C-alpha atoms as a PDB file:
ATOM      1  CA  MET A   1       0.117   0.082   0.129  1.00  0.00           C
ATOM      2  CA  THR A   2       1.061   3.894  -0.784  1.00  0.00           C
ATOM      3  CA  SER A   3       1.517   6.020   1.558  1.00  0.00           C
ATOM      4  CA  ALA A   4      -0.892   7.724  -0.264  1.00  0.00           C
ATOM      5  CA  GLN A   5      -3.167   4.958   0.025  1.00  0.00           C
ATOM      6  CA  ASN A   6      -2.273   4.657   2.951  1.00  0.00           C
ATOM      7  CA  PHE A   7      -3.204   8.130   3.791  1.00  0.00           C
ATOM      8  CA  GLU A   8      -6.629   7.989   2.156  1.00  0.00           C
ATOM      9  CA  GLN A   9      -8.002   4.451   4.342  1.00  0.00           C
ATOM     10  CA  THR A  10      -7.006   6.685   7.451  1.00  0.00           C
ATOM     11  CA  THR A  11      -8.359   9.769   6.045  1.00  0.00           C
ATOM     12  CA  LYS A  12     -12.176   7.966   5.289  1.00  0.00           C
ATOM     13  CA  HIS A  13     -11.473   6.189   8.897  1.00  0.00           C
ATOM     14  CA  SER A  14     -11.713   9.475  11.081  1.00  0.00           C
ATOM     15  CA  ARG A  15     -14.230  10.406   9.129  1.00  0.00           C
ATOM     16  CA  GLU A  16     -16.214   7.180   8.999  1.00  0.00           C
ATOM     17  CA  GLN A  17     -15.451   7.522  13.115  1.00  0.00           C
ATOM     18  CA  THR A  18     -16.501  11.685  13.555  1.00  0.00           C
ATOM     19  CA  ILE A  19     -19.879  10.138  11.925  1.00  0.00           C
ATOM     20  CA  ALA A  20     -20.172   7.999  14.490  1.00  0.00           C
ATOM     21  CA  GLN A  21     -19.769   9.671  17.474  1.00  0.00           C
ATOM     22  CA  LEU A  22     -21.099  12.265  15.773  1.00  0.00           C
ATOM     23  CA  ILE A  23     -24.609  10.402  15.899  1.00  0.00           C
ATOM     24  CA  LYS A  24     -24.169   8.943  18.982  1.00  0.00           C
ATOM     25  CA  LEU A  25     -24.288  13.243  19.783  1.00  0.00           C
ATOM     26  CA  LEU A  26     -27.381  13.807  18.413  1.00  0.00           C
ATOM     27  CA  VAL A  27     -28.832  10.546  19.534  1.00  0.00           C
ATOM     28  CA  THR A  28     -28.040  11.859  23.077  1.00  0.00           C
ATOM     29  CA  ILE A  29     -29.556  15.539  22.980  1.00  0.00           C
ATOM     30  CA  ILE A  30     -32.479  14.580  20.744  1.00  0.00           C
ATOM     31  CA  PRO A  31     -33.628  11.844  21.782  1.00  0.00           C
ATOM     32  CA  ASN A  32     -37.304  11.126  19.886  1.00  0.00           C
ATOM     33  CA  TYR A  33     -35.131  10.096  17.210  1.00  0.00           C
ATOM     34  CA  ASP A  34     -33.309   6.476  17.669  1.00  0.00           C
ATOM     35  CA  GLU A  35     -29.569   5.920  15.800  1.00  0.00           C
ATOM     36  CA  SER A  36     -31.546   4.437  12.760  1.00  0.00           C
ATOM     37  CA  PHE A  37     -33.221   7.714  12.355  1.00  0.00           C
ATOM     38  CA  TRP A  38     -29.052   9.276  11.684  1.00  0.00           C
ATOM     39  CA  ASN A  39     -27.087   8.910   8.948  1.00  0.00           C
ATOM     40  CA  VAL A  40     -24.720  11.346   7.194  1.00  0.00           C
ATOM     41  CA  GLU A  41     -27.655  12.818   5.030  1.00  0.00           C
ATOM     42  CA  THR A  42     -29.193  13.879   8.106  1.00  0.00           C
ATOM     43  CA  GLU A  43     -30.596  17.255   7.311  1.00  0.00           C
ATOM     44  CA  LEU A  44     -30.627  19.012  10.761  1.00  0.00           C
ATOM     45  CA  PHE A  45     -31.427  22.616  11.202  1.00  0.00           C
ATOM     46  CA  GLY A  46     -34.184  23.861   9.786  1.00  0.00           C
ATOM     47  CA  ALA A  47     -35.374  20.548   8.622  1.00  0.00           C
ATOM     48  CA  ILE A  48     -35.920  19.017  12.404  1.00  0.00           C
ATOM     49  CA  ALA A  49     -38.520  20.929  15.025  1.00  0.00           C
ATOM     50  CA  GLU A  50     -35.872  19.827  17.656  1.00  0.00           C
ATOM     51  CA  PHE A  51     -32.793  21.305  16.924  1.00  0.00           C
ATOM     52  CA  ASP A  52     -33.888  24.250  18.284  1.00  0.00           C
ATOM     53  CA  SER A  53     -31.235  26.898  20.048  1.00  0.00           C
ATOM     54  CA  MET A  54     -31.144  24.804  23.523  1.00  0.00           C
ATOM     55  CA  ALA A  55     -29.943  21.847  21.303  1.00  0.00           C
ATOM     56  CA  LEU A  56     -27.683  23.594  19.005  1.00  0.00           C
ATOM     57  CA  VAL A  57     -25.988  25.287  22.622  1.00  0.00           C
ATOM     58  CA  THR A  58     -25.540  21.813  23.707  1.00  0.00           C
ATOM     59  CA  LEU A  59     -24.696  19.521  21.062  1.00  0.00           C
ATOM     60  CA  ILE A  60     -21.557  22.617  20.392  1.00  0.00           C
ATOM     61  CA  GLY A  61     -20.295  21.974  24.250  1.00  0.00           C
ATOM     62  CA  GLU A  62     -20.879  18.591  23.798  1.00  0.00           C
ATOM     63  CA  ILE A  63     -18.444  18.809  19.501  1.00  0.00           C
ATOM     64  CA  GLU A  64     -15.898  20.567  21.745  1.00  0.00           C
ATOM     65  CA  GLU A  65     -16.051  18.432  24.715  1.00  0.00           C
ATOM     66  CA  SER A  66     -15.697  15.319  23.557  1.00  0.00           C
ATOM     67  CA  PHE A  67     -13.461  15.857  19.598  1.00  0.00           C
ATOM     68  CA  ASP A  68     -11.006  18.530  21.558  1.00  0.00           C
ATOM     69  CA  ILE A  69     -11.914  21.510  18.896  1.00  0.00           C
ATOM     70  CA  ASP A  70     -12.574  25.072  19.615  1.00  0.00           C
ATOM     71  CA  LEU A  71     -14.908  26.815  17.479  1.00  0.00           C
ATOM     72  CA  ASP A  72     -14.670  29.796  17.139  1.00  0.00           C
ATOM     73  CA  ASP A  73     -17.667  32.377  16.285  1.00  0.00           C
ATOM     74  CA  ASP A  74     -17.634  32.413  12.782  1.00  0.00           C
ATOM     75  CA  ASP A  75     -18.487  28.459  12.659  1.00  0.00           C
ATOM     76  CA  ILE A  76     -21.722  29.059  14.428  1.00  0.00           C
ATOM     77  CA  SER A  77     -23.010  28.618  11.137  1.00  0.00           C
ATOM     78  CA  ALA A  78     -26.514  27.535   9.516  1.00  0.00           C
ATOM     79  CA  GLU A  79     -24.048  26.064   6.612  1.00  0.00           C
ATOM     80  CA  ASN A  80     -21.792  23.975   9.090  1.00  0.00           C
ATOM     81  CA  PHE A  81     -25.150  22.639  11.184  1.00  0.00           C
ATOM     82  CA  SER A  82     -27.061  22.461   8.894  1.00  0.00           C
ATOM     83  CA  SER A  83     -26.493  17.971   7.898  1.00  0.00           C
ATOM     84  CA  VAL A  84     -24.914  15.551   9.996  1.00  0.00           C
ATOM     85  CA  ALA A  85     -22.517  16.157   6.961  1.00  0.00           C
ATOM     86  CA  SER A  86     -21.580  19.541   6.763  1.00  0.00           C
ATOM     87  CA  LEU A  87     -20.674  18.903  10.797  1.00  0.00           C
ATOM     88  CA  THR A  88     -18.332  16.251  10.148  1.00  0.00           C
ATOM     89  CA  GLU A  89     -16.586  18.636   7.598  1.00  0.00           C
ATOM     90  CA  LEU A  90     -16.264  21.173  10.645  1.00  0.00           C
ATOM     91  CA  VAL A  91     -15.170  18.559  12.676  1.00  0.00           C
ATOM     92  CA  LEU A  92     -12.258  17.198  10.530  1.00  0.00           C
ATOM     93  CA  GLU A  93     -11.315  20.909   9.580  1.00  0.00           C
ATOM     94  CA  HIS A  94     -10.453  21.589  12.913  1.00  0.00           C
ATOM     95  CA  SER A  95      -9.630  18.074  14.204  1.00  0.00           C
END
């Protein structure tokens, strides 16, 4: 395996782990939906009534703690919190 292939495999594994961890956080924060509801394409902001300002604040804190990252005010946008996929990209950018 070349170093490029190894990097790609590690990156894919890291992305999958990040998605799984984010879904666990979402299940905890919004318990009305079980784990089978959530996937990388699940829309969040504006699509799920329970994804309100309190859920958003809680999720931000949990993300910062779970992934040991700091999100800036500029990171808190509808675009970054629009789906599990966009949230995953945000976390990976800060990791």
